[in-house]
């Protein structure tokens, strides 16, 4: 993984991430189908690999989704804080910077697709408490 972040650009890292998620989608579909037929209970599927176009293509009215996003600056601030960016060696900072770039590019790609498909979206701010994020997500799902 280290070599991956040392050698690839943020754009190439984003492309690799999207390709990985697309390749994993058949397994995700199997899990979704199995879960929905087992007992009729609601299914919560969470993760950055839940791609909007793939969810929309399911064509199932019993499957709903909402995507969360944050401003690029908030994404960067969170990664810098969580990684102790300032306390890292320059080579580690370079990898973290690429991770930030990849994260921002990936978010822009996914959110562009969410908006193009007219799917629910919650824009999270730093001031939002977890309860408010949950409320906003539930409201977005209700339409």
N, C-alpha and C. Protein backbone atom coordinates (compact mmCIF):
# COMPACT_ATOMS: atom_id res chain seq x y z
N UNK A 1 0.82 -1.19 0.00
CA UNK A 1 0.00 0.00 0.00
C UNK A 1 0.87 1.26 0.00
N UNK A 2 1.95 1.22 0.73
CA UNK A 2 2.84 2.38 0.80
C UNK A 2 3.36 2.73 -0.60
N UNK A 3 3.81 1.72 -1.32
CA UNK A 3 4.34 1.95 -2.67
C UNK A 3 3.25 2.52 -3.58
N UNK A 4 2.05 2.05 -3.38
CA UNK A 4 0.89 2.52 -4.14
C UNK A 4 0.76 4.05 -4.00
N UNK A 5 0.82 4.52 -2.76
CA UNK A 5 0.67 5.96 -2.51
C UNK A 5 1.93 6.75 -2.85
N UNK A 6 3.07 6.12 -2.82
CA UNK A 6 4.30 6.82 -3.18
C UNK A 6 4.39 7.06 -4.68
N UNK A 7 3.90 6.11 -5.48
CA UNK A 7 4.16 6.16 -6.92
C UNK A 7 3.01 6.71 -7.75
N UNK A 8 1.78 6.58 -7.28
CA UNK A 8 0.63 7.01 -8.09
C UNK A 8 0.21 8.44 -7.78
N UNK A 9 -0.36 9.10 -8.77
CA UNK A 9 -0.93 10.44 -8.57
C UNK A 9 -2.29 10.31 -7.89
N UNK A 10 -2.79 11.39 -7.31
CA UNK A 10 -4.14 11.32 -6.75
C UNK A 10 -5.19 10.88 -7.78
N UNK A 11 -5.02 11.31 -9.03
CA UNK A 11 -5.97 10.90 -10.09
C UNK A 11 -5.90 9.40 -10.33
N UNK A 12 -4.70 8.86 -10.39
CA UNK A 12 -4.54 7.41 -10.60
C UNK A 12 -5.05 6.63 -9.38
N UNK A 13 -4.82 7.16 -8.19
CA UNK A 13 -5.35 6.52 -6.99
C UNK A 13 -6.88 6.50 -7.01
N UNK A 14 -7.48 7.59 -7.46
CA UNK A 14 -8.94 7.66 -7.55
C UNK A 14 -9.45 6.65 -8.57
N UNK A 15 -8.82 6.59 -9.72
CA UNK A 15 -9.22 5.62 -10.75
C UNK A 15 -9.12 4.19 -10.21
N UNK A 16 -8.05 3.89 -9.48
CA UNK A 16 -7.87 2.56 -8.92
C UNK A 16 -8.95 2.24 -7.89
N UNK A 17 -9.30 3.23 -7.08
CA UNK A 17 -10.33 3.05 -6.07
C UNK A 17 -11.68 2.76 -6.75
N UNK A 18 -12.02 3.54 -7.76
CA UNK A 18 -13.28 3.32 -8.47
C UNK A 18 -13.30 1.96 -9.15
N UNK A 19 -12.19 1.57 -9.76
CA UNK A 19 -12.13 0.26 -10.41
C UNK A 19 -12.31 -0.86 -9.38
N UNK A 20 -11.69 -0.72 -8.23
CA UNK A 20 -11.84 -1.73 -7.18
C UNK A 20 -13.30 -1.85 -6.75
N UNK A 21 -13.95 -0.75 -6.51
CA UNK A 21 -15.35 -0.79 -6.08
C UNK A 21 -16.26 -1.37 -7.17
N UNK A 22 -15.98 -1.03 -8.41
CA UNK A 22 -16.78 -1.61 -9.50
C UNK A 22 -16.57 -3.11 -9.60
N UNK A 23 -15.35 -3.56 -9.39
CA UNK A 23 -15.06 -4.99 -9.42
C UNK A 23 -15.71 -5.74 -8.26
N UNK A 24 -15.88 -5.07 -7.14
CA UNK A 24 -16.49 -5.69 -5.96
C UNK A 24 -18.01 -5.71 -6.04
N UNK A 25 -18.59 -4.94 -6.94
CA UNK A 25 -20.04 -4.77 -6.96
C UNK A 25 -20.82 -6.08 -7.10
N UNK A 26 -20.39 -7.04 -7.93
CA UNK A 26 -21.15 -8.30 -8.00
C UNK A 26 -21.30 -8.98 -6.64
N UNK A 27 -20.25 -8.95 -5.81
CA UNK A 27 -20.34 -9.52 -4.47
C UNK A 27 -21.32 -8.73 -3.61
N UNK A 28 -21.29 -7.42 -3.74
CA UNK A 28 -22.22 -6.57 -2.99
C UNK A 28 -23.66 -6.89 -3.39
N UNK A 29 -23.90 -7.04 -4.68
CA UNK A 29 -25.25 -7.38 -5.17
C UNK A 29 -25.71 -8.70 -4.56
N UNK A 30 -24.85 -9.68 -4.53
CA UNK A 30 -25.21 -10.98 -3.93
C UNK A 30 -25.63 -10.80 -2.48
N UNK A 31 -24.88 -10.00 -1.76
CA UNK A 31 -25.19 -9.78 -0.34
C UNK A 31 -26.51 -9.02 -0.18
N UNK A 32 -26.72 -8.02 -1.02
CA UNK A 32 -27.96 -7.26 -0.96
C UNK A 32 -29.14 -8.17 -1.23
N UNK A 33 -29.08 -8.92 -2.31
CA UNK A 33 -30.18 -9.81 -2.69
C UNK A 33 -30.45 -10.84 -1.59
N UNK A 34 -29.40 -11.42 -1.03
CA UNK A 34 -29.57 -12.41 0.03
C UNK A 34 -30.22 -11.79 1.26
N UNK A 35 -29.76 -10.62 1.63
CA UNK A 35 -30.30 -9.95 2.82
C UNK A 35 -31.75 -9.55 2.63
N UNK A 36 -32.10 -9.11 1.44
CA UNK A 36 -33.47 -8.64 1.21
C UNK A 36 -34.47 -9.80 1.11
N UNK A 37 -34.01 -10.97 0.75
CA UNK A 37 -34.93 -12.11 0.63
C UNK A 37 -35.02 -12.93 1.91
N UNK A 38 -34.08 -12.75 2.83
CA UNK A 38 -34.05 -13.58 4.03
C UNK A 38 -35.26 -13.38 4.92
N UNK A 39 -35.46 -12.18 5.41
CA UNK A 39 -36.54 -12.00 6.38
C UNK A 39 -37.30 -10.69 6.21
N UNK A 40 -37.01 -9.97 5.17
CA UNK A 40 -37.74 -8.72 4.92
C UNK A 40 -37.35 -7.57 5.81
N UNK A 41 -36.37 -7.77 6.67
CA UNK A 41 -35.92 -6.69 7.53
C UNK A 41 -35.14 -5.67 6.72
N UNK A 42 -35.15 -4.41 7.16
CA UNK A 42 -34.37 -3.39 6.46
C UNK A 42 -32.88 -3.74 6.46
N UNK A 43 -32.21 -3.30 5.44
CA UNK A 43 -30.78 -3.54 5.30
C UNK A 43 -30.09 -2.19 5.25
N UNK A 44 -29.06 -2.03 6.07
CA UNK A 44 -28.24 -0.84 6.03
C UNK A 44 -26.91 -1.24 5.43
N UNK A 45 -26.58 -0.63 4.32
CA UNK A 45 -25.32 -0.89 3.64
C UNK A 45 -24.55 0.41 3.64
N UNK A 46 -23.38 0.40 4.26
CA UNK A 46 -22.61 1.62 4.44
C UNK A 46 -21.24 1.43 3.82
N UNK A 47 -20.72 2.49 3.23
CA UNK A 47 -19.35 2.45 2.77
C UNK A 47 -19.13 3.30 1.54
N UNK A 48 -17.89 3.67 1.36
CA UNK A 48 -17.57 4.53 0.23
C UNK A 48 -17.69 3.80 -1.10
N UNK A 49 -17.76 2.48 -1.06
CA UNK A 49 -17.89 1.72 -2.30
C UNK A 49 -19.31 1.56 -2.80
N UNK A 50 -20.26 2.17 -2.13
CA UNK A 50 -21.65 2.12 -2.58
C UNK A 50 -21.81 3.22 -3.63
N UNK A 51 -21.65 2.83 -4.88
CA UNK A 51 -21.63 3.80 -5.98
C UNK A 51 -23.06 4.13 -6.45
N UNK A 52 -23.34 5.40 -6.64
CA UNK A 52 -24.70 5.83 -6.97
C UNK A 52 -25.29 5.17 -8.21
N UNK A 53 -24.54 5.12 -9.27
CA UNK A 53 -25.07 4.53 -10.50
C UNK A 53 -25.41 3.07 -10.33
N UNK A 54 -24.63 2.36 -9.55
CA UNK A 54 -24.89 0.94 -9.30
C UNK A 54 -26.15 0.75 -8.47
N UNK A 55 -26.34 1.60 -7.48
CA UNK A 55 -27.55 1.51 -6.65
C UNK A 55 -28.77 1.85 -7.49
N UNK A 56 -28.68 2.92 -8.28
CA UNK A 56 -29.81 3.32 -9.12
C UNK A 56 -30.16 2.22 -10.13
N UNK A 57 -29.14 1.53 -10.64
CA UNK A 57 -29.37 0.48 -11.63
C UNK A 57 -30.07 -0.74 -11.05
N UNK A 58 -30.10 -0.86 -9.73
CA UNK A 58 -30.81 -1.99 -9.12
C UNK A 58 -32.29 -1.95 -9.50
N UNK A 59 -32.83 -0.74 -9.61
CA UNK A 59 -34.23 -0.60 -9.98
C UNK A 59 -35.19 -1.21 -8.98
N UNK A 60 -34.82 -1.18 -7.73
CA UNK A 60 -35.66 -1.78 -6.70
C UNK A 60 -36.25 -0.68 -5.82
N UNK A 61 -37.56 -0.59 -5.78
CA UNK A 61 -38.17 0.44 -4.93
C UNK A 61 -37.95 0.19 -3.44
N UNK A 62 -37.60 -1.04 -3.07
CA UNK A 62 -37.36 -1.34 -1.67
C UNK A 62 -35.92 -1.06 -1.25
N UNK A 63 -35.11 -0.55 -2.18
CA UNK A 63 -33.73 -0.18 -1.87
C UNK A 63 -33.60 1.33 -2.03
N UNK A 64 -33.25 1.99 -0.93
CA UNK A 64 -33.04 3.43 -0.96
C UNK A 64 -31.65 3.73 -0.42
N UNK A 65 -31.12 4.85 -0.82
CA UNK A 65 -29.77 5.21 -0.39
C UNK A 65 -29.67 6.72 -0.22
N UNK A 66 -28.72 7.10 0.60
CA UNK A 66 -28.38 8.50 0.78
C UNK A 66 -26.86 8.59 0.86
N UNK A 67 -26.31 9.63 0.27
CA UNK A 67 -24.86 9.82 0.28
C UNK A 67 -24.53 11.02 1.14
N UNK A 68 -23.43 10.92 1.86
CA UNK A 68 -22.93 12.01 2.69
C UNK A 68 -21.69 12.60 2.02
N UNK A 69 -21.57 13.90 2.09
CA UNK A 69 -20.39 14.57 1.56
C UNK A 69 -19.99 15.69 2.50
N UNK A 70 -18.81 16.18 2.28
CA UNK A 70 -18.32 17.33 3.05
C UNK A 70 -17.48 18.18 2.11
N UNK A 71 -17.34 19.43 2.44
CA UNK A 71 -16.52 20.33 1.64
C UNK A 71 -15.09 19.80 1.57
N UNK A 72 -14.40 20.02 0.45
CA UNK A 72 -13.02 19.54 0.33
C UNK A 72 -12.12 19.98 1.48
N UNK A 73 -12.30 21.19 1.96
CA UNK A 73 -11.49 21.67 3.08
C UNK A 73 -11.75 20.90 4.36
N UNK A 74 -12.98 20.48 4.56
CA UNK A 74 -13.32 19.69 5.74
C UNK A 74 -12.71 18.29 5.64
N UNK A 75 -12.75 17.71 4.45
CA UNK A 75 -12.12 16.41 4.23
C UNK A 75 -10.62 16.52 4.53
N UNK A 76 -9.98 17.54 4.00
CA UNK A 76 -8.55 17.72 4.23
C UNK A 76 -8.24 17.93 5.70
N UNK A 77 -9.00 18.77 6.36
CA UNK A 77 -8.74 19.06 7.77
C UNK A 77 -8.88 17.80 8.62
N UNK A 78 -9.90 17.01 8.32
CA UNK A 78 -10.11 15.78 9.09
C UNK A 78 -8.95 14.81 8.90
N UNK A 79 -8.52 14.60 7.66
CA UNK A 79 -7.42 13.67 7.41
C UNK A 79 -6.13 14.18 8.05
N UNK A 80 -5.86 15.47 7.93
CA UNK A 80 -4.65 16.02 8.54
C UNK A 80 -4.68 15.83 10.06
N UNK A 81 -5.83 16.08 10.65
CA UNK A 81 -5.96 15.95 12.11
C UNK A 81 -5.81 14.48 12.53
N UNK A 82 -6.53 13.60 11.88
CA UNK A 82 -6.53 12.18 12.26
C UNK A 82 -5.18 11.51 12.01
N UNK A 83 -4.42 12.02 11.05
CA UNK A 83 -3.12 11.41 10.71
C UNK A 83 -1.95 12.07 11.42
N UNK A 84 -2.23 13.10 12.20
CA UNK A 84 -1.16 13.88 12.83
C UNK A 84 -0.17 14.36 11.77
N UNK A 85 -0.72 14.94 10.72
CA UNK A 85 0.06 15.35 9.55
C UNK A 85 1.32 16.12 9.92
N UNK A 86 1.17 17.12 10.78
CA UNK A 86 2.31 17.96 11.15
C UNK A 86 3.42 17.22 11.87
N UNK A 87 3.09 16.11 12.50
CA UNK A 87 4.08 15.34 13.23
C UNK A 87 4.72 14.22 12.42
N UNK A 88 4.39 14.16 11.15
CA UNK A 88 4.91 13.09 10.30
C UNK A 88 6.15 13.52 9.54
N UNK A 89 6.93 12.54 9.13
CA UNK A 89 8.11 12.79 8.28
C UNK A 89 7.65 13.25 6.90
N UNK A 90 8.49 13.98 6.18
CA UNK A 90 8.10 14.49 4.86
C UNK A 90 7.58 13.43 3.88
N UNK A 91 8.19 12.24 3.88
CA UNK A 91 7.71 11.22 2.94
C UNK A 91 6.31 10.73 3.32
N UNK A 92 6.03 10.67 4.61
CA UNK A 92 4.70 10.28 5.07
C UNK A 92 3.71 11.40 4.77
N UNK A 93 4.11 12.64 4.96
CA UNK A 93 3.24 13.77 4.62
C UNK A 93 2.89 13.75 3.14
N UNK A 94 3.83 13.38 2.29
CA UNK A 94 3.56 13.31 0.85
C UNK A 94 2.50 12.26 0.55
N UNK A 95 2.57 11.12 1.23
CA UNK A 95 1.55 10.08 1.02
C UNK A 95 0.19 10.53 1.55
N UNK A 96 0.20 11.19 2.69
CA UNK A 96 -1.06 11.69 3.26
C UNK A 96 -1.66 12.72 2.31
N UNK A 97 -0.83 13.58 1.76
CA UNK A 97 -1.32 14.59 0.80
C UNK A 97 -1.96 13.92 -0.41
N UNK A 98 -1.37 12.83 -0.89
CA UNK A 98 -1.97 12.10 -2.01
C UNK A 98 -3.29 11.46 -1.60
N UNK A 99 -3.34 10.95 -0.38
CA UNK A 99 -4.59 10.38 0.13
C UNK A 99 -5.67 11.45 0.19
N UNK A 100 -5.31 12.63 0.65
CA UNK A 100 -6.27 13.74 0.69
C UNK A 100 -6.76 14.07 -0.72
N UNK A 101 -5.82 14.19 -1.65
CA UNK A 101 -6.21 14.47 -3.04
C UNK A 101 -7.12 13.41 -3.61
N UNK A 102 -6.76 12.15 -3.36
CA UNK A 102 -7.60 11.05 -3.83
C UNK A 102 -8.99 11.11 -3.19
N UNK A 103 -9.05 11.38 -1.90
CA UNK A 103 -10.33 11.46 -1.20
C UNK A 103 -11.21 12.57 -1.76
N UNK A 104 -10.62 13.72 -2.02
CA UNK A 104 -11.37 14.85 -2.56
C UNK A 104 -11.85 14.57 -3.98
N UNK A 105 -10.99 13.99 -4.80
CA UNK A 105 -11.37 13.65 -6.18
C UNK A 105 -12.47 12.59 -6.20
N UNK A 106 -12.33 11.59 -5.34
CA UNK A 106 -13.34 10.53 -5.27
C UNK A 106 -14.68 11.10 -4.83
N UNK A 107 -14.65 11.94 -3.81
CA UNK A 107 -15.89 12.56 -3.33
C UNK A 107 -16.54 13.38 -4.44
N UNK A 108 -15.77 14.16 -5.16
CA UNK A 108 -16.32 14.97 -6.25
C UNK A 108 -16.94 14.08 -7.33
N UNK A 109 -16.27 12.98 -7.66
CA UNK A 109 -16.77 12.06 -8.67
C UNK A 109 -18.11 11.45 -8.25
N UNK A 110 -18.15 10.94 -7.03
CA UNK A 110 -19.37 10.29 -6.54
C UNK A 110 -20.50 11.30 -6.38
N UNK A 111 -20.21 12.44 -5.82
CA UNK A 111 -21.26 13.43 -5.60
C UNK A 111 -21.77 13.99 -6.94
N UNK A 112 -20.90 14.11 -7.92
CA UNK A 112 -21.36 14.50 -9.25
C UNK A 112 -22.36 13.50 -9.80
N UNK A 113 -22.08 12.23 -9.59
CA UNK A 113 -22.99 11.17 -10.05
C UNK A 113 -24.30 11.20 -9.26
N UNK A 114 -24.21 11.42 -7.95
CA UNK A 114 -25.41 11.51 -7.11
C UNK A 114 -26.31 12.64 -7.62
N UNK A 115 -25.71 13.80 -7.87
CA UNK A 115 -26.50 14.94 -8.34
C UNK A 115 -27.07 14.69 -9.73
N UNK A 116 -26.28 14.10 -10.62
CA UNK A 116 -26.76 13.82 -11.98
C UNK A 116 -27.94 12.86 -11.97
N UNK A 117 -27.94 11.94 -11.02
CA UNK A 117 -29.03 10.96 -10.93
C UNK A 117 -30.18 11.44 -10.05
N UNK A 118 -30.01 12.60 -9.41
CA UNK A 118 -31.07 13.14 -8.55
C UNK A 118 -31.28 12.31 -7.29
N UNK A 119 -30.23 11.72 -6.77
CA UNK A 119 -30.33 10.89 -5.57
C UNK A 119 -30.13 11.73 -4.31
N UNK A 120 -30.59 11.23 -3.16
CA UNK A 120 -30.47 12.00 -1.92
C UNK A 120 -29.02 12.22 -1.49
N UNK A 121 -28.79 13.42 -1.01
CA UNK A 121 -27.45 13.84 -0.62
C UNK A 121 -27.54 14.70 0.64
N UNK A 122 -26.64 14.45 1.59
CA UNK A 122 -26.53 15.27 2.79
C UNK A 122 -25.14 15.86 2.79
N UNK A 123 -25.07 17.18 2.86
CA UNK A 123 -23.79 17.86 2.95
C UNK A 123 -23.48 18.11 4.42
N UNK A 124 -22.51 17.37 4.93
CA UNK A 124 -22.14 17.42 6.34
C UNK A 124 -21.20 18.60 6.56
N UNK A 125 -21.45 19.32 7.64
CA UNK A 125 -20.57 20.42 8.02
C UNK A 125 -19.87 20.05 9.32
N UNK A 126 -18.81 20.75 9.62
CA UNK A 126 -18.05 20.47 10.83
C UNK A 126 -18.90 20.70 12.08
N UNK A 127 -19.86 21.61 11.98
CA UNK A 127 -20.68 21.94 13.14
C UNK A 127 -21.79 20.92 13.41
N UNK A 128 -22.05 20.02 12.46
CA UNK A 128 -23.15 19.07 12.63
C UNK A 128 -22.79 17.98 13.63
N UNK A 129 -23.63 17.83 14.63
CA UNK A 129 -23.48 16.73 15.58
C UNK A 129 -23.98 15.45 14.91
N UNK A 130 -23.52 14.29 15.37
CA UNK A 130 -23.97 13.04 14.76
C UNK A 130 -25.49 12.89 14.69
N UNK A 131 -26.19 13.37 15.70
CA UNK A 131 -27.66 13.28 15.69
C UNK A 131 -28.25 14.07 14.53
N UNK A 132 -27.67 15.22 14.24
CA UNK A 132 -28.15 16.06 13.13
C UNK A 132 -27.86 15.41 11.78
N UNK A 133 -26.72 14.75 11.68
CA UNK A 133 -26.39 14.04 10.44
C UNK A 133 -27.41 12.92 10.23
N UNK A 134 -27.72 12.18 11.29
CA UNK A 134 -28.70 11.11 11.20
C UNK A 134 -30.07 11.66 10.80
N UNK A 135 -30.50 12.73 11.44
CA UNK A 135 -31.78 13.34 11.10
C UNK A 135 -31.82 13.79 9.65
N UNK A 136 -30.75 14.40 9.19
CA UNK A 136 -30.69 14.87 7.80
C UNK A 136 -30.72 13.68 6.83
N UNK A 137 -30.03 12.61 7.16
CA UNK A 137 -30.01 11.43 6.30
C UNK A 137 -31.39 10.79 6.24
N UNK A 138 -32.05 10.67 7.37
CA UNK A 138 -33.40 10.10 7.38
C UNK A 138 -34.38 10.98 6.61
N UNK A 139 -34.26 12.28 6.76
CA UNK A 139 -35.13 13.21 6.02
C UNK A 139 -34.88 13.09 4.53
N UNK A 140 -33.63 12.96 4.14
CA UNK A 140 -33.30 12.82 2.70
C UNK A 140 -33.87 11.52 2.15
N UNK A 141 -33.86 10.47 2.93
CA UNK A 141 -34.41 9.19 2.48
C UNK A 141 -35.93 9.26 2.31
N UNK A 142 -36.56 10.04 3.18
CA UNK A 142 -38.02 10.18 3.08
C UNK A 142 -38.44 11.03 1.90
N UNK A 143 -37.48 11.83 1.43
CA UNK A 143 -37.77 12.68 0.26
C UNK A 143 -38.42 13.91 0.64
